[in-house]
Amino acid sequence: MVSTSPNAPPPVLRVKKGARFIVDVTNTLTDPTAMHWHGMRVPNKIDGVPYLMQWPIIKDETWRYDFKVDDAGTY
């Protein structure tokens, strides 16, 4: 489990090309949120754009992001 203070930068996530990446995100904020994977090609259904690609994660809800990392690096 990775947890950070609201004022701290997010952790760096490293995954090898071709590996399957699975992370459960629990929203502990009072506002809805989502993870947008800047610079990575991911399936549209988990792209993290609230109300467009997925429903936002509401307070105390957990959302699983699960995808294969096809690229080396970000764009």
PDB file of N, CA and C in Angstrom:
ATOM      1  N   MET A   1       0.848  -1.178   0.000  1.00  0.00           N
ATOM      2  CA  MET A   1       0.000   0.000   0.000  1.00  0.00           C
ATOM      3  C   MET A   1       0.890   1.238   0.000  1.00  0.00           C
ATOM      4  N   VAL A   2       0.571   2.172  -0.867  1.00  0.00           N
ATOM      5  CA  VAL A   2       1.305   3.427  -0.933  1.00  0.00           C
ATOM      6  C   VAL A   2       0.372   4.528  -0.476  1.00  0.00           C
ATOM      7  N   SER A   3       0.826   5.323   0.464  1.00  0.00           N
ATOM      8  CA  SER A   3       0.019   6.424   0.961  1.00  0.00           C
ATOM      9  C   SER A   3       0.908   7.650   1.060  1.00  0.00           C
ATOM     10  N   THR A   4       0.372   8.789   0.660  1.00  0.00           N
ATOM     11  CA  THR A   4       1.147  10.010   0.745  1.00  0.00           C
ATOM     12  C   THR A   4       0.316  11.095   1.388  1.00  0.00           C
ATOM     13  N   SER A   5       0.991  12.076   1.917  1.00  0.00           N
ATOM     14  CA  SER A   5       0.330  13.248   2.479  1.00  0.00           C
ATOM     15  C   SER A   5      -0.241  14.074   1.329  1.00  0.00           C
ATOM     16  N   PRO A   6      -1.341  14.807   1.549  1.00  0.00           N
ATOM     17  CA  PRO A   6      -1.911  15.625   0.475  1.00  0.00           C
ATOM     18  C   PRO A   6      -0.943  16.665  -0.078  1.00  0.00           C
ATOM     19  N   ASN A   7       0.082  17.034   0.690  1.00  0.00           N
ATOM     20  CA  ASN A   7       1.040  18.042   0.241  1.00  0.00           C
ATOM     21  C   ASN A   7       2.300  17.441  -0.382  1.00  0.00           C
ATOM     22  N   ALA A   8       2.404  16.130  -0.385  1.00  0.00           N
ATOM     23  CA  ALA A   8       3.590  15.472  -0.919  1.00  0.00           C
ATOM     24  C   ALA A   8       3.372  15.114  -2.385  1.00  0.00           C
ATOM     25  N   PRO A   9       4.448  15.079  -3.168  1.00  0.00           N
ATOM     26  CA  PRO A   9       4.290  14.626  -4.557  1.00  0.00           C
ATOM     27  C   PRO A   9       3.916  13.142  -4.565  1.00  0.00           C
ATOM     28  N   PRO A  10       3.253  12.689  -5.605  1.00  0.00           N
ATOM     29  CA  PRO A  10       2.884  11.270  -5.670  1.00  0.00           C
ATOM     30  C   PRO A  10       4.124  10.401  -5.832  1.00  0.00           C
ATOM     31  N   PRO A  11       4.014   9.124  -5.500  1.00  0.00           N
ATOM     32  CA  PRO A  11       5.166   8.234  -5.651  1.00  0.00           C
ATOM     33  C   PRO A  11       5.460   7.979  -7.124  1.00  0.00           C
ATOM     34  N   VAL A  12       6.704   7.638  -7.426  1.00  0.00           N
ATOM     35  CA  VAL A  12       7.097   7.244  -8.781  1.00  0.00           C
ATOM     36  C   VAL A  12       6.781   5.761  -8.923  1.00  0.00           C
ATOM     37  N   LEU A  13       6.067   5.410  -9.970  1.00  0.00           N
ATOM     38  CA  LEU A  13       5.711   4.023 -10.231  1.00  0.00           C
ATOM     39  C   LEU A  13       6.545   3.524 -11.411  1.00  0.00           C
ATOM     40  N   ARG A  14       7.254   2.447 -11.235  1.00  0.00           N
ATOM     41  CA  ARG A  14       8.086   1.897 -12.304  1.00  0.00           C
ATOM     42  C   ARG A  14       7.607   0.484 -12.621  1.00  0.00           C
ATOM     43  N   VAL A  15       7.417   0.239 -13.923  1.00  0.00           N
ATOM     44  CA  VAL A  15       6.940  -1.059 -14.387  1.00  0.00           C
ATOM     45  C   VAL A  15       7.721  -1.423 -15.638  1.00  0.00           C
ATOM     46  N   LYS A  16       8.109  -2.670 -15.764  1.00  0.00           N
ATOM     47  CA  LYS A  16       8.845  -3.109 -16.946  1.00  0.00           C
ATOM     48  C   LYS A  16       7.905  -3.240 -18.152  1.00  0.00           C
ATOM     49  N   LYS A  17       8.413  -2.899 -19.328  1.00  0.00           N
ATOM     50  CA  LYS A  17       7.666  -3.045 -20.572  1.00  0.00           C
ATOM     51  C   LYS A  17       7.185  -4.483 -20.705  1.00  0.00           C
ATOM     52  N   GLY A  18       5.913  -4.628 -21.052  1.00  0.00           N
ATOM     53  CA  GLY A  18       5.316  -5.949 -21.231  1.00  0.00           C
ATOM     54  C   GLY A  18       4.692  -6.517 -19.968  1.00  0.00           C
ATOM     55  N   ALA A  19       4.951  -5.897 -18.826  1.00  0.00           N
ATOM     56  CA  ALA A  19       4.399  -6.390 -17.561  1.00  0.00           C
ATOM     57  C   ALA A  19       2.948  -5.930 -17.400  1.00  0.00           C
ATOM     58  N   ARG A  20       2.223  -6.668 -16.628  1.00  0.00           N
ATOM     59  CA  ARG A  20       0.854  -6.273 -16.276  1.00  0.00           C
ATOM     60  C   ARG A  20       0.933  -5.406 -15.031  1.00  0.00           C
ATOM     61  N   PHE A  21       0.253  -4.265 -15.073  1.00  0.00           N
ATOM     62  CA  PHE A  21       0.265  -3.318 -13.955  1.00  0.00           C
ATOM     63  C   PHE A  21      -1.116  -3.315 -13.316  1.00  0.00           C
ATOM     64  N   ILE A  22      -1.154  -3.584 -12.020  1.00  0.00           N
ATOM     65  CA  ILE A  22      -2.421  -3.584 -11.282  1.00  0.00           C
ATOM     66  C   ILE A  22      -2.233  -2.726 -10.041  1.00  0.00           C
ATOM     67  N   VAL A  23      -3.112  -1.756  -9.868  1.00  0.00           N
ATOM     68  CA  VAL A  23      -3.070  -0.931  -8.670  1.00  0.00           C
ATOM     69  C   VAL A  23      -4.496  -0.615  -8.245  1.00  0.00           C
ATOM     70  N   ASP A  24      -4.767  -0.728  -6.957  1.00  0.00           N
ATOM     71  CA  ASP A  24      -6.061  -0.354  -6.398  1.00  0.00           C
ATOM     72  C   ASP A  24      -5.917   1.051  -5.808  1.00  0.00           C
ATOM     73  N   VAL A  25      -6.753   1.973  -6.278  1.00  0.00           N
ATOM     74  CA  VAL A  25      -6.717   3.354  -5.794  1.00  0.00           C
ATOM     75  C   VAL A  25      -7.948   3.574  -4.928  1.00  0.00           C
ATOM     76  N   THR A  26      -7.726   3.928  -3.663  1.00  0.00           N
ATOM     77  CA  THR A  26      -8.815   4.247  -2.750  1.00  0.00           C
ATOM     78  C   THR A  26      -8.825   5.754  -2.550  1.00  0.00           C
ATOM     79  N   ASN A  27      -9.965   6.363  -2.799  1.00  0.00           N
ATOM     80  CA  ASN A  27     -10.100   7.805  -2.652  1.00  0.00           C
ATOM     81  C   ASN A  27     -10.359   8.148  -1.186  1.00  0.00           C
ATOM     82  N   THR A  28      -9.391   8.794  -0.561  1.00  0.00           N
ATOM     83  CA  THR A  28      -9.566   9.255   0.820  1.00  0.00           C
ATOM     84  C   THR A  28      -9.857  10.751   0.864  1.00  0.00           C
ATOM     85  N   LEU A  29     -10.034  11.353  -0.311  1.00  0.00           N
ATOM     86  CA  LEU A  29     -10.376  12.769  -0.394  1.00  0.00           C
ATOM     87  C   LEU A  29     -11.879  12.945  -0.218  1.00  0.00           C
ATOM     88  N   THR A  30     -12.312  14.152   0.056  1.00  0.00           N
ATOM     89  CA  THR A  30     -13.752  14.402   0.162  1.00  0.00           C
ATOM     90  C   THR A  30     -14.378  14.601  -1.219  1.00  0.00           C
ATOM     91  N   ASP A  31     -13.569  14.939  -2.214  1.00  0.00           N
ATOM     92  CA  ASP A  31     -14.059  15.140  -3.584  1.00  0.00           C
ATOM     93  C   ASP A  31     -13.796  13.908  -4.433  1.00  0.00           C
ATOM     94  N   PRO A  32     -14.621  13.669  -5.462  1.00  0.00           N
ATOM     95  CA  PRO A  32     -14.358  12.575  -6.395  1.00  0.00           C
ATOM     96  C   PRO A  32     -13.013  12.793  -7.100  1.00  0.00           C
ATOM     97  N   THR A  33     -12.364  11.717  -7.496  1.00  0.00           N
ATOM     98  CA  THR A  33     -11.060  11.820  -8.151  1.00  0.00           C
ATOM     99  C   THR A  33     -10.883  10.685  -9.148  1.00  0.00           C
ATOM    100  N   ALA A  34      -9.797  10.724  -9.903  1.00  0.00           N
ATOM    101  CA  ALA A  34      -9.444   9.661 -10.854  1.00  0.00           C
ATOM    102  C   ALA A  34      -7.955   9.755 -11.140  1.00  0.00           C
ATOM    103  N   MET A  35      -7.392   8.682 -11.684  1.00  0.00           N
ATOM    104  CA  MET A  35      -5.986   8.668 -12.092  1.00  0.00           C
ATOM    105  C   MET A  35      -5.942   8.798 -13.608  1.00  0.00           C
ATOM    106  N   HIS A  36      -5.274   9.821 -14.091  1.00  0.00           N
ATOM    107  CA  HIS A  36      -5.057   9.969 -15.534  1.00  0.00           C
ATOM    108  C   HIS A  36      -3.597   9.668 -15.802  1.00  0.00           C
ATOM    109  N   TRP A  37      -3.356   8.785 -16.727  1.00  0.00           N
ATOM    110  CA  TRP A  37      -2.016   8.262 -16.974  1.00  0.00           C
ATOM    111  C   TRP A  37      -1.316   9.089 -18.052  1.00  0.00           C
ATOM    112  N   HIS A  38      -0.876  10.282 -17.699  1.00  0.00           N
ATOM    113  CA  HIS A  38      -0.213  11.169 -18.657  1.00  0.00           C
ATOM    114  C   HIS A  38       0.975  10.468 -19.301  1.00  0.00           C
ATOM    115  N   GLY A  39       1.000  10.507 -20.617  1.00  0.00           N
ATOM    116  CA  GLY A  39       2.137   9.976 -21.348  1.00  0.00           C
ATOM    117  C   GLY A  39       2.150   8.478 -21.517  1.00  0.00           C
ATOM    118  N   MET A  40       1.068   7.793 -21.156  1.00  0.00           N
ATOM    119  CA  MET A  40       1.004   6.344 -21.324  1.00  0.00           C
ATOM    120  C   MET A  40      -0.220   5.974 -22.150  1.00  0.00           C
ATOM    121  N   ARG A  41      -0.047   4.962 -23.003  1.00  0.00           N
ATOM    122  CA  ARG A  41      -1.198   4.444 -23.739  1.00  0.00           C
ATOM    123  C   ARG A  41      -1.865   3.384 -22.876  1.00  0.00           C
ATOM    124  N   VAL A  42      -3.102   3.657 -22.492  1.00  0.00           N
ATOM    125  CA  VAL A  42      -3.872   2.720 -21.678  1.00  0.00           C
ATOM    126  C   VAL A  42      -5.242   2.550 -22.325  1.00  0.00           C
ATOM    127  N   PRO A  43      -5.972   1.486 -21.995  1.00  0.00           N
ATOM    128  CA  PRO A  43      -7.324   1.332 -22.525  1.00  0.00           C
ATOM    129  C   PRO A  43      -8.209   2.527 -22.144  1.00  0.00           C
ATOM    130  N   ASN A  44      -9.063   2.956 -23.061  1.00  0.00           N
ATOM    131  CA  ASN A  44      -9.930   4.112 -22.812  1.00  0.00           C
ATOM    132  C   ASN A  44     -10.725   3.994 -21.518  1.00  0.00           C
ATOM    133  N   LYS A  45     -11.200   2.791 -21.193  1.00  0.00           N
ATOM    134  CA  LYS A  45     -12.066   2.635 -20.021  1.00  0.00           C
ATOM    135  C   LYS A  45     -11.357   2.934 -18.700  1.00  0.00           C
ATOM    136  N   ILE A  46     -10.013   3.030 -18.720  1.00  0.00           N
ATOM    137  CA  ILE A  46      -9.277   3.374 -17.494  1.00  0.00           C
ATOM    138  C   ILE A  46      -8.400   4.605 -17.686  1.00  0.00           C
ATOM    139  N   ASP A  47      -8.705   5.426 -18.659  1.00  0.00           N
ATOM    140  CA  ASP A  47      -7.880   6.602 -18.963  1.00  0.00           C
ATOM    141  C   ASP A  47      -7.953   7.675 -17.884  1.00  0.00           C
ATOM    142  N   GLY A  48      -8.953   7.610 -17.013  1.00  0.00           N
ATOM    143  CA  GLY A  48      -8.991   8.511 -15.865  1.00  0.00           C
ATOM    144  C   GLY A  48      -9.611   9.864 -16.110  1.00  0.00           C
ATOM    145  N   VAL A  49     -10.233  10.072 -17.263  1.00  0.00           N
ATOM    146  CA  VAL A  49     -10.905  11.347 -17.503  1.00  0.00           C
ATOM    147  C   VAL A  49     -12.326  11.223 -16.941  1.00  0.00           C
ATOM    148  N   PRO A  50     -12.594  11.868 -15.788  1.00  0.00           N
ATOM    149  CA  PRO A  50     -13.888  11.692 -15.125  1.00  0.00           C
ATOM    150  C   PRO A  50     -15.066  12.062 -16.023  1.00  0.00           C
ATOM    151  N   TYR A  51     -16.082  11.246 -15.981  1.00  0.00           N
ATOM    152  CA  TYR A  51     -17.343  11.401 -16.711  1.00  0.00           C
ATOM    153  C   TYR A  51     -17.213  11.191 -18.218  1.00  0.00           C
ATOM    154  N   LEU A  52     -15.995  11.175 -18.744  1.00  0.00           N
ATOM    155  CA  LEU A  52     -15.815  10.952 -20.175  1.00  0.00           C
ATOM    156  C   LEU A  52     -15.372   9.519 -20.431  1.00  0.00           C
ATOM    157  N   MET A  53     -14.320   9.099 -19.758  1.00  0.00           N
ATOM    158  CA  MET A  53     -13.787   7.748 -19.948  1.00  0.00           C
ATOM    159  C   MET A  53     -14.144   6.799 -18.805  1.00  0.00           C
ATOM    160  N   GLN A  54     -14.348   7.349 -17.618  1.00  0.00           N
ATOM    161  CA  GLN A  54     -14.735   6.504 -16.485  1.00  0.00           C
ATOM    162  C   GLN A  54     -15.451   7.369 -15.448  1.00  0.00           C
ATOM    163  N   TRP A  55     -16.211   6.726 -14.591  1.00  0.00           N
ATOM    164  CA  TRP A  55     -16.828   7.444 -13.489  1.00  0.00           C
ATOM    165  C   TRP A  55     -15.757   7.777 -12.470  1.00  0.00           C
ATOM    166  N   PRO A  56     -15.821   8.947 -11.844  1.00  0.00           N
ATOM    167  CA  PRO A  56     -14.820   9.274 -10.834  1.00  0.00           C
ATOM    168  C   PRO A  56     -14.951   8.354  -9.621  1.00  0.00           C
ATOM    169  N   ILE A  57     -13.866   8.249  -8.891  1.00  0.00           N
ATOM    170  CA  ILE A  57     -13.840   7.445  -7.673  1.00  0.00           C
ATOM    171  C   ILE A  57     -14.359   8.343  -6.550  1.00  0.00           C
ATOM    172  N   ILE A  58     -15.449   7.936  -5.927  1.00  0.00           N
ATOM    173  CA  ILE A  58     -16.017   8.753  -4.851  1.00  0.00           C
ATOM    174  C   ILE A  58     -15.311   8.441  -3.530  1.00  0.00           C
ATOM    175  N   LYS A  59     -15.542   9.277  -2.538  1.00  0.00           N
ATOM    176  CA  LYS A  59     -14.892   9.126  -1.227  1.00  0.00           C
ATOM    177  C   LYS A  59     -15.069   7.707  -0.686  1.00  0.00           C
ATOM    178  N   ASP A  60     -13.975   7.149  -0.233  1.00  0.00           N
ATOM    179  CA  ASP A  60     -13.902   5.805   0.363  1.00  0.00           C
ATOM    180  C   ASP A  60     -14.149   4.664  -0.621  1.00  0.00           C
ATOM    181  N   GLU A  61     -14.296   4.955  -1.902  1.00  0.00           N
ATOM    182  CA  GLU A  61     -14.453   3.916  -2.910  1.00  0.00           C
ATOM    183  C   GLU A  61     -13.070   3.532  -3.437  1.00  0.00           C
ATOM    184  N   THR A  62     -12.922   2.273  -3.866  1.00  0.00           N
ATOM    185  CA  THR A  62     -11.667   1.791  -4.457  1.00  0.00           C
ATOM    186  C   THR A  62     -11.923   1.392  -5.904  1.00  0.00           C
ATOM    187  N   TRP A  63     -10.998   1.783  -6.775  1.00  0.00           N
ATOM    188  CA  TRP A  63     -11.076   1.466  -8.202  1.00  0.00           C
ATOM    189  C   TRP A  63      -9.794   0.741  -8.584  1.00  0.00           C
ATOM    190  N   ARG A  64      -9.911  -0.363  -9.310  1.00  0.00           N
ATOM    191  CA  ARG A  64      -8.733  -1.114  -9.752  1.00  0.00           C
ATOM    192  C   ARG A  64      -8.367  -0.705 -11.170  1.00  0.00           C
ATOM    193  N   TYR A  65      -7.125  -0.277 -11.329  1.00  0.00           N
ATOM    194  CA  TYR A  65      -6.558  -0.025 -12.650  1.00  0.00           C
ATOM    195  C   TYR A  65      -5.716  -1.245 -12.992  1.00  0.00           C
ATOM    196  N   ASP A  66      -5.964  -1.831 -14.151  1.00  0.00           N
ATOM    197  CA  ASP A  66      -5.321  -3.082 -14.550  1.00  0.00           C
ATOM    198  C   ASP A  66      -5.065  -3.011 -16.048  1.00  0.00           C
ATOM    199  N   PHE A  67      -3.782  -2.969 -16.428  1.00  0.00           N
ATOM    200  CA  PHE A  67      -3.465  -2.921 -17.847  1.00  0.00           C
ATOM    201  C   PHE A  67      -2.048  -3.443 -18.090  1.00  0.00           C
ATOM    202  N   LYS A  68      -1.778  -3.818 -19.336  1.00  0.00           N
ATOM    203  CA  LYS A  68      -0.449  -4.268 -19.749  1.00  0.00           C
ATOM    204  C   LYS A  68       0.321  -3.034 -20.196  1.00  0.00           C
ATOM    205  N   VAL A  69       1.553  -2.915 -19.757  1.00  0.00           N
ATOM    206  CA  VAL A  69       2.407  -1.799 -20.134  1.00  0.00           C
ATOM    207  C   VAL A  69       3.087  -2.160 -21.457  1.00  0.00           C
ATOM    208  N   ASP A  70       2.614  -1.528 -22.535  1.00  0.00           N
ATOM    209  CA  ASP A  70       3.113  -1.863 -23.869  1.00  0.00           C
ATOM    210  C   ASP A  70       4.321  -1.027 -24.306  1.00  0.00           C
ATOM    211  N   ASP A  71       4.532   0.114 -23.686  1.00  0.00           N
ATOM    212  CA  ASP A  71       5.588   1.024 -24.121  1.00  0.00           C
ATOM    213  C   ASP A  71       6.692   1.140 -23.080  1.00  0.00           C
ATOM    214  N   ALA A  72       7.894   1.422 -23.564  1.00  0.00           N
ATOM    215  CA  ALA A  72       9.022   1.735 -22.683  1.00  0.00           C
ATOM    216  C   ALA A  72       9.066   3.259 -22.579  1.00  0.00           C
ATOM    217  N   GLY A  73       8.829   3.789 -21.415  1.00  0.00           N
ATOM    218  CA  GLY A  73       8.836   5.236 -21.235  1.00  0.00           C
ATOM    219  C   GLY A  73       7.478   5.854 -21.468  1.00  0.00           C
ATOM    220  N   THR A  74       7.440   7.159 -21.319  1.00  0.00           N
ATOM    221  CA  THR A  74       6.203   7.908 -21.531  1.00  0.00           C
ATOM    222  C   THR A  74       6.386   8.859 -22.697  1.00  0.00           C
ATOM    223  N   TYR A  75       5.295   9.433 -23.166  1.00  0.00           N
ATOM    224  CA  TYR A  75       5.345  10.280 -24.365  1.00  0.00           C
ATOM    225  C   TYR A  75       4.766  11.641 -24.067  1.00  0.00           C
TER     226      TYR A  75
END
